Amino acid sequence: MVENDELEEMMMAAPSAREIKKNDHVMLNKAVSHPLRRKLVKSIGVFGKTKDDIQGEIDIDDASFKYQTEFLVNGTFLKVENGLYKLTDKGLDLLANIN
């Protein structure tokens, strides 16, 4: 039986609290620094909206909409429930910090 070396163990370990915090900051920066993502977050607002409502409000094609909303979902800023795009608590914090 082959023993795992230290490097392999480190790679298999869960991320540390520091790494998680750093990744959260990176995702937040990516979300807030992209103009289209800011527009999406502002459009969705506190109460949420459907895709049609959002696309009617901002000029965004289907492919860009899908890519940008998937980024926000994966970053846990956004969730989709019954066709309604809603900001998570993290997304609401993002909204509060967008000028």
Protein backbone atom coordinates (compact mmCIF):
# COMPACT_ATOMS: atom_id res chain seq x y z
CA MET A 1 0.00 0.00 0.00
CA VAL A 2 1.34 3.43 -0.96
CA GLU A 3 1.14 6.23 1.58
CA ASN A 4 0.01 9.71 0.55
CA ASP A 5 2.70 12.30 0.63
CA GLU A 6 2.18 15.70 2.26
CA LEU A 7 1.52 17.51 -1.02
CA GLU A 8 -1.22 15.06 -1.98
CA GLU A 9 -2.80 15.42 1.46
CA MET A 10 -2.77 19.21 1.14
CA MET A 11 -4.42 18.98 -2.28
CA MET A 12 -7.12 16.68 -0.92
CA ALA A 13 -7.83 18.82 2.14
CA ALA A 14 -10.76 21.20 2.29
CA PRO A 15 -9.89 24.88 1.82
CA SER A 16 -8.96 26.79 4.94
CA ALA A 17 -11.12 29.59 6.32
CA ARG A 18 -8.55 32.05 4.97
CA GLU A 19 -8.75 30.53 1.47
CA ILE A 20 -12.55 30.60 1.55
CA LYS A 21 -12.54 34.27 2.60
CA LYS A 22 -10.01 35.11 -0.13
CA ASN A 23 -12.11 33.33 -2.77
CA ASP A 24 -15.22 35.20 -1.58
CA HIS A 25 -13.38 38.51 -2.03
CA VAL A 26 -12.21 37.51 -5.51
CA MET A 27 -15.77 36.57 -6.54
CA LEU A 28 -17.18 39.78 -5.05
CA ASN A 29 -14.61 41.85 -6.92
CA LYS A 30 -15.38 40.04 -10.19
CA ALA A 31 -19.11 40.55 -9.66
CA VAL A 32 -18.92 44.24 -8.83
CA SER A 33 -16.25 45.17 -11.37
CA HIS A 34 -18.20 43.94 -14.43
CA PRO A 35 -20.62 46.60 -15.74
CA LEU A 36 -23.14 44.10 -17.09
CA ARG A 37 -23.25 42.20 -13.80
CA ARG A 38 -23.84 45.48 -11.95
CA LYS A 39 -26.72 46.27 -14.31
CA LEU A 40 -28.20 42.81 -13.74
CA VAL A 41 -27.99 43.10 -9.96
CA LYS A 42 -29.55 46.59 -10.03
CA SER A 43 -32.32 45.44 -12.38
CA ILE A 44 -33.18 42.38 -10.28
CA GLY A 45 -33.30 44.54 -7.17
CA VAL A 46 -34.76 43.59 -3.83
CA PHE A 47 -37.90 41.85 -5.08
CA GLY A 48 -36.58 39.86 -8.06
CA LYS A 49 -37.70 39.77 -11.67
CA THR A 50 -38.31 37.39 -14.55
CA LYS A 51 -35.85 37.00 -17.40
CA ASP A 52 -38.20 38.89 -19.74
CA ASP A 53 -38.51 41.79 -17.29
CA ILE A 54 -34.74 42.01 -16.87
CA GLN A 55 -34.06 41.81 -20.61
CA GLY A 56 -36.75 44.43 -21.23
CA GLU A 57 -35.00 46.75 -18.82
CA ILE A 58 -31.39 46.30 -19.92
CA ASP A 59 -29.98 45.55 -23.36
CA ILE A 60 -28.62 42.00 -23.04
CA ASP A 61 -28.81 39.08 -25.46
CA ASP A 62 -29.72 35.54 -24.39
CA ALA A 63 -26.15 34.18 -24.42
CA SER A 64 -24.78 37.04 -22.30
CA PHE A 65 -27.75 36.82 -19.95
CA LYS A 66 -27.16 33.11 -19.42
CA TYR A 67 -23.40 33.49 -18.91
CA GLN A 68 -23.67 36.41 -16.49
CA THR A 69 -26.55 34.98 -14.44
CA GLU A 70 -24.75 31.62 -14.17
CA PHE A 71 -21.70 33.48 -12.84
CA LEU A 72 -23.88 35.20 -10.23
CA VAL A 73 -25.61 31.93 -9.30
CA ASN A 74 -22.27 30.11 -8.95
CA GLY A 75 -20.97 32.97 -6.81
CA THR A 76 -24.09 32.61 -4.63
CA PHE A 77 -25.24 36.17 -5.37
CA LEU A 78 -28.33 35.03 -7.25
CA LYS A 79 -30.89 32.22 -7.20
CA VAL A 80 -33.67 31.26 -9.59
CA GLU A 81 -36.99 30.16 -8.15
CA ASN A 82 -39.99 29.36 -10.36
CA GLY A 83 -38.61 31.51 -13.20
CA LEU A 84 -37.94 34.45 -10.90
CA TYR A 85 -34.38 35.74 -10.51
CA LYS A 86 -33.79 36.76 -6.90
CA LEU A 87 -30.75 38.07 -5.10
CA THR A 88 -29.49 36.05 -2.16
CA ASP A 89 -28.44 37.77 1.06
CA LYS A 90 -24.95 37.98 -0.44
CA GLY A 91 -26.46 39.47 -3.60
CA LEU A 92 -28.40 42.03 -1.56
CA ASP A 93 -25.13 43.06 0.10
CA LEU A 94 -23.66 43.44 -3.37
CA LEU A 95 -26.63 45.57 -4.44
CA ALA A 96 -26.20 47.82 -1.39
CA ASN A 97 -22.58 48.48 -2.38
CA ILE A 98 -23.18 49.29 -6.06
CA ASN A 99 -23.35 53.01 -6.82
